[in-house]
N, C-alpha and C. Protein backbone atom coordinates (compact mmCIF):
# COMPACT_ATOMS: atom_id res chain seq x y z
N MET A 1 2.57 -11.76 -5.49
CA MET A 1 3.50 -10.75 -5.03
C MET A 1 4.37 -11.23 -3.63
N LYS A 2 5.60 -11.08 -3.67
CA LYS A 2 6.30 -11.54 -2.70
C LYS A 2 6.35 -10.47 -1.38
N GLU A 3 5.56 -9.15 -1.63
CA GLU A 3 5.58 -8.29 -0.90
C GLU A 3 4.35 -8.31 0.15
N VAL A 4 3.20 -8.91 -0.23
CA VAL A 4 2.02 -9.28 0.43
C VAL A 4 2.25 -9.73 1.90
N PRO A 5 3.03 -10.68 2.25
CA PRO A 5 3.08 -11.41 3.74
C PRO A 5 3.67 -10.22 4.53
N ASP A 6 4.52 -9.59 3.80
CA ASP A 6 5.37 -8.64 4.78
C ASP A 6 4.40 -7.44 5.08
N VAL A 7 3.53 -7.04 4.01
CA VAL A 7 2.60 -5.93 4.50
C VAL A 7 1.44 -6.36 5.31
N ASN A 8 1.19 -7.72 5.10
CA ASN A 8 -0.03 -8.28 5.84
C ASN A 8 0.41 -8.20 7.47
N ALA A 9 1.91 -8.64 7.74
CA ALA A 9 2.45 -8.54 8.77
C ALA A 9 2.34 -7.23 9.54
N PHE A 10 3.14 -6.27 8.68
CA PHE A 10 2.93 -5.09 9.20
C PHE A 10 1.35 -4.58 9.56
N TYR A 11 0.77 -4.55 8.91
CA TYR A 11 -0.77 -4.17 9.16
C TYR A 11 -1.20 -4.90 10.42
N ALA A 12 -1.00 -6.22 10.76
CA ALA A 12 -1.48 -7.04 11.71
C ALA A 12 -0.73 -6.33 13.20
N ARG A 13 0.79 -5.96 13.20
CA ARG A 13 1.37 -5.44 14.11
C ARG A 13 1.07 -3.89 14.60
N ASN A 14 0.58 -3.40 13.52
CA ASN A 14 0.19 -1.98 13.73
C ASN A 14 -1.04 -1.22 13.52
N LYS A 15 -2.04 -2.59 13.78
CA LYS A 15 -3.32 -2.03 13.45
C LYS A 15 -3.92 -1.08 14.63
N GLY A 16 -4.71 -0.08 14.42
CA GLY A 16 -4.98 0.88 15.36
C GLY A 16 -4.04 1.97 15.44
N LYS A 17 -2.63 1.76 15.04
CA LYS A 17 -1.70 3.02 15.18
C LYS A 17 -1.34 3.57 13.82
N VAL A 18 -1.63 2.78 12.70
CA VAL A 18 -1.21 3.08 11.30
C VAL A 18 -2.15 2.62 10.38
N ASN A 19 -2.61 3.36 9.67
CA ASN A 19 -3.67 2.93 8.64
C ASN A 19 -2.66 2.37 7.36
N VAL A 20 -3.41 1.37 6.89
CA VAL A 20 -2.67 0.52 5.62
C VAL A 20 -3.64 0.71 4.62
N LEU A 21 -3.15 0.80 3.46
CA LEU A 21 -4.45 0.81 2.22
C LEU A 21 -3.53 0.58 0.98
N GLY A 22 -3.78 -0.44 0.37
CA GLY A 22 -3.35 -1.00 -0.84
C GLY A 22 -4.08 -0.13 -1.97
N VAL A 23 -3.46 0.41 -2.95
CA VAL A 23 -4.18 0.92 -4.05
C VAL A 23 -3.58 0.52 -5.29
N ASP A 24 -4.99 0.00 -5.94
CA ASP A 24 -4.77 -0.66 -7.52
C ASP A 24 -4.83 0.26 -8.21
N ILE A 25 -3.94 0.37 -9.47
CA ILE A 25 -4.17 1.25 -10.18
C ILE A 25 -4.54 0.76 -11.77
N GLN A 26 -5.87 1.39 -12.11
CA GLN A 26 -6.45 1.14 -13.35
C GLN A 26 -6.78 -0.37 -13.73
N GLU A 27 -7.41 -1.09 -12.76
CA GLU A 27 -7.78 -2.42 -13.23
C GLU A 27 -9.01 -2.40 -12.46
N SER A 28 -9.99 -3.50 -13.15
CA SER A 28 -11.16 -3.52 -12.63
C SER A 28 -11.53 -4.20 -11.07
N LYS A 29 -12.57 -3.78 -10.51
CA LYS A 29 -12.92 -4.28 -9.38
C LYS A 29 -12.84 -5.86 -9.32
N ALA A 30 -13.24 -6.55 -10.26
CA ALA A 30 -13.16 -7.82 -10.06
C ALA A 30 -11.94 -8.41 -10.29
N LYS A 31 -10.99 -7.67 -11.18
CA LYS A 31 -9.91 -8.37 -11.16
C LYS A 31 -8.79 -8.21 -9.92
N VAL A 32 -9.39 -6.94 -9.18
CA VAL A 32 -8.55 -6.75 -7.90
C VAL A 32 -9.04 -7.56 -6.90
N THR A 33 -10.15 -7.81 -6.85
CA THR A 33 -10.86 -8.66 -5.67
C THR A 33 -10.16 -9.88 -5.97
N ALA A 34 -10.16 -10.39 -6.96
CA ALA A 34 -9.83 -12.00 -7.23
C ALA A 34 -8.24 -12.11 -7.02
N PHE A 35 -7.57 -11.05 -7.36
CA PHE A 35 -6.25 -10.98 -6.95
C PHE A 35 -5.70 -10.96 -5.53
N ALA A 36 -6.55 -10.17 -4.81
CA ALA A 36 -6.68 -9.87 -3.14
C ALA A 36 -6.76 -11.37 -2.77
N GLU A 37 -8.12 -11.98 -3.15
CA GLU A 37 -8.40 -13.22 -2.41
C GLU A 37 -7.10 -14.32 -2.56
N LYS A 38 -6.79 -14.31 -4.08
CA LYS A 38 -5.76 -15.32 -4.19
C LYS A 38 -4.20 -15.29 -3.40
N GLN A 39 -4.21 -13.86 -3.30
CA GLN A 39 -2.69 -13.38 -2.62
C GLN A 39 -2.86 -13.60 -1.19
N GLY A 40 -4.29 -13.50 -0.61
CA GLY A 40 -4.43 -13.43 1.05
C GLY A 40 -4.44 -12.17 1.50
N ILE A 41 -4.37 -11.11 0.92
CA ILE A 41 -4.54 -9.90 1.28
C ILE A 41 -5.23 -9.60 2.72
N THR A 42 -4.71 -9.01 3.60
CA THR A 42 -5.91 -9.00 4.67
C THR A 42 -5.87 -7.13 4.91
N TYR A 43 -5.45 -6.37 4.13
CA TYR A 43 -5.37 -5.09 4.60
C TYR A 43 -6.42 -4.66 3.38
N PRO A 44 -7.21 -3.32 3.57
CA PRO A 44 -8.03 -2.89 2.54
C PRO A 44 -7.33 -2.39 1.39
N VAL A 45 -8.03 -2.60 0.14
CA VAL A 45 -7.63 -2.19 -1.02
C VAL A 45 -8.46 -1.13 -1.87
N ALA A 46 -7.82 -0.04 -2.05
CA ALA A 46 -8.84 0.86 -2.93
C ALA A 46 -8.29 0.81 -4.22
N LEU A 47 -9.33 1.20 -5.45
CA LEU A 47 -9.25 1.30 -6.77
C LEU A 47 -8.97 2.77 -7.24
N ASP A 48 -7.80 2.76 -7.92
CA ASP A 48 -7.41 3.89 -8.64
C ASP A 48 -8.09 3.80 -10.08
N THR A 49 -9.15 3.90 -10.47
CA THR A 49 -9.48 3.79 -11.83
C THR A 49 -8.90 4.14 -12.91
N ASP A 50 -8.89 5.73 -12.22
CA ASP A 50 -8.13 6.65 -13.46
C ASP A 50 -6.99 7.32 -13.37
N GLY A 51 -6.16 6.34 -12.49
CA GLY A 51 -4.68 7.04 -12.09
C GLY A 51 -4.31 8.05 -11.48
N LYS A 52 -5.32 8.81 -10.89
CA LYS A 52 -4.96 10.19 -10.47
C LYS A 52 -4.28 9.93 -9.12
N VAL A 53 -4.66 9.00 -8.24
CA VAL A 53 -3.81 8.77 -7.03
C VAL A 53 -2.50 8.37 -7.35
N ALA A 54 -2.17 7.55 -8.36
CA ALA A 54 -0.80 7.21 -9.06
C ALA A 54 -0.17 8.68 -9.18
N GLY A 55 -0.98 9.34 -10.32
CA GLY A 55 -0.01 10.69 -10.41
C GLY A 55 0.14 11.71 -9.42
N LEU A 56 -0.81 11.77 -8.40
CA LEU A 56 -0.54 12.61 -7.22
C LEU A 56 0.59 12.23 -6.30
N TYR A 57 0.77 10.98 -6.27
CA TYR A 57 1.91 10.56 -5.34
C TYR A 57 3.27 10.18 -6.30
N GLN A 58 3.23 10.31 -7.50
CA GLN A 58 4.23 10.13 -8.59
C GLN A 58 4.67 8.72 -8.34
N ILE A 59 3.74 7.66 -8.36
CA ILE A 59 4.28 6.41 -8.65
C ILE A 59 4.95 6.02 -9.74
N ARG A 60 6.04 5.45 -9.80
CA ARG A 60 6.85 5.25 -11.08
C ARG A 60 6.85 3.64 -11.15
N GLY A 61 6.81 2.85 -10.11
CA GLY A 61 6.86 1.54 -10.24
C GLY A 61 6.02 0.76 -9.07
N ILE A 62 5.78 -0.35 -9.55
CA ILE A 62 4.62 -1.60 -8.38
C ILE A 62 5.55 -2.64 -7.99
N PRO A 63 5.28 -2.72 -6.87
CA PRO A 63 4.63 -2.11 -5.75
C PRO A 63 5.54 -0.84 -5.38
N SER A 64 4.79 0.12 -4.87
CA SER A 64 5.51 1.09 -4.03
C SER A 64 5.08 1.36 -2.87
N ILE A 65 5.47 1.74 -1.80
CA ILE A 65 5.07 1.92 -0.49
C ILE A 65 5.45 3.36 -0.25
N ILE A 66 4.24 4.14 0.19
CA ILE A 66 4.35 5.69 0.54
C ILE A 66 3.81 5.71 1.99
N ALA A 67 4.56 6.41 2.95
CA ALA A 67 4.11 6.58 4.31
C ALA A 67 3.68 7.96 4.12
N ILE A 68 2.48 8.43 4.89
CA ILE A 68 2.02 9.74 4.95
C ILE A 68 1.79 9.86 6.19
N GLY A 69 2.15 11.19 6.76
CA GLY A 69 1.85 11.70 8.19
C GLY A 69 0.64 12.06 8.37
N GLU A 70 0.24 12.24 9.56
CA GLU A 70 -1.19 12.81 9.87
C GLU A 70 -1.32 14.22 9.32
N ASP A 71 -0.16 14.83 9.01
CA ASP A 71 -0.30 16.09 8.32
C ASP A 71 -0.43 16.03 6.92
N GLY A 72 -0.38 15.05 6.30
CA GLY A 72 -0.47 14.86 4.78
C GLY A 72 0.95 14.92 4.07
N ALA A 73 2.07 15.20 4.94
CA ALA A 73 3.45 15.21 4.39
C ALA A 73 3.93 13.59 4.24
N VAL A 74 4.60 13.35 3.01
CA VAL A 74 5.17 12.30 2.55
C VAL A 74 6.32 12.15 3.46
N LEU A 75 6.18 10.71 4.23
CA LEU A 75 7.29 10.42 5.33
C LEU A 75 8.38 9.47 4.73
N PHE A 76 7.85 8.51 3.50
CA PHE A 76 8.74 7.51 3.18
C PHE A 76 8.04 7.30 1.69
N ARG A 77 8.88 7.06 0.63
CA ARG A 77 8.74 6.56 -0.62
C ARG A 77 9.56 5.59 -1.11
N GLY A 78 9.28 4.21 -1.43
CA GLY A 78 10.10 3.69 -1.82
C GLY A 78 9.43 2.30 -2.28
N HIS A 79 10.03 0.97 -2.11
CA HIS A 79 9.44 -0.27 -2.88
C HIS A 79 9.35 -1.32 -1.66
N GLY A 80 9.76 -1.00 -0.53
CA GLY A 80 9.53 -2.28 0.28
C GLY A 80 9.11 -1.96 1.73
N ILE A 81 8.09 -2.69 2.39
CA ILE A 81 7.76 -2.10 3.61
C ILE A 81 8.61 -2.32 4.70
N LYS A 82 9.52 -3.31 4.50
CA LYS A 82 10.72 -3.33 5.55
C LYS A 82 11.86 -2.21 5.70
N GLU A 83 11.83 -1.72 4.32
CA GLU A 83 12.98 -0.66 4.12
C GLU A 83 12.26 0.48 5.09
N MET A 84 10.85 0.71 4.58
CA MET A 84 10.17 1.84 5.28
C MET A 84 10.35 1.64 6.77
N GLU A 85 10.08 0.71 7.32
CA GLU A 85 9.94 0.42 8.84
C GLU A 85 11.35 0.59 9.35
N LYS A 86 12.31 0.75 8.59
CA LYS A 86 13.84 1.07 9.04
C LYS A 86 13.76 2.60 9.06
N LYS A 87 13.03 3.25 8.24
CA LYS A 87 13.36 4.87 8.20
C LYS A 87 12.19 5.41 8.85
N VAL A 88 10.93 5.00 9.16
CA VAL A 88 10.01 5.55 9.52
C VAL A 88 9.56 4.87 11.13
N SER A 89 9.40 5.71 12.04
CA SER A 89 8.87 5.06 13.21
C SER A 89 7.34 5.72 13.38
N PHE A 90 6.44 4.80 13.79
CA PHE A 90 5.14 5.13 14.02
C PHE A 90 4.67 5.17 15.42
């Protein structure tokens, strides 16, 4: 996925200031682990095996980027980390 290097870079630059979490929707742990290793993902990835997280945040396309503030409010919803960085400061 072309977004992985951008998310890895954002994670490295902001570690300690912002939490980054990839969420994989309805796939097995083995498949997700293999994908993460192949893509060189450096940020943590959680499994949404039943799709509840995707439903809660109204995920309509993959990849989706959602920035959530400390108070739980959604600060950004979109498809690119670079787009998010232009609109949200941490």
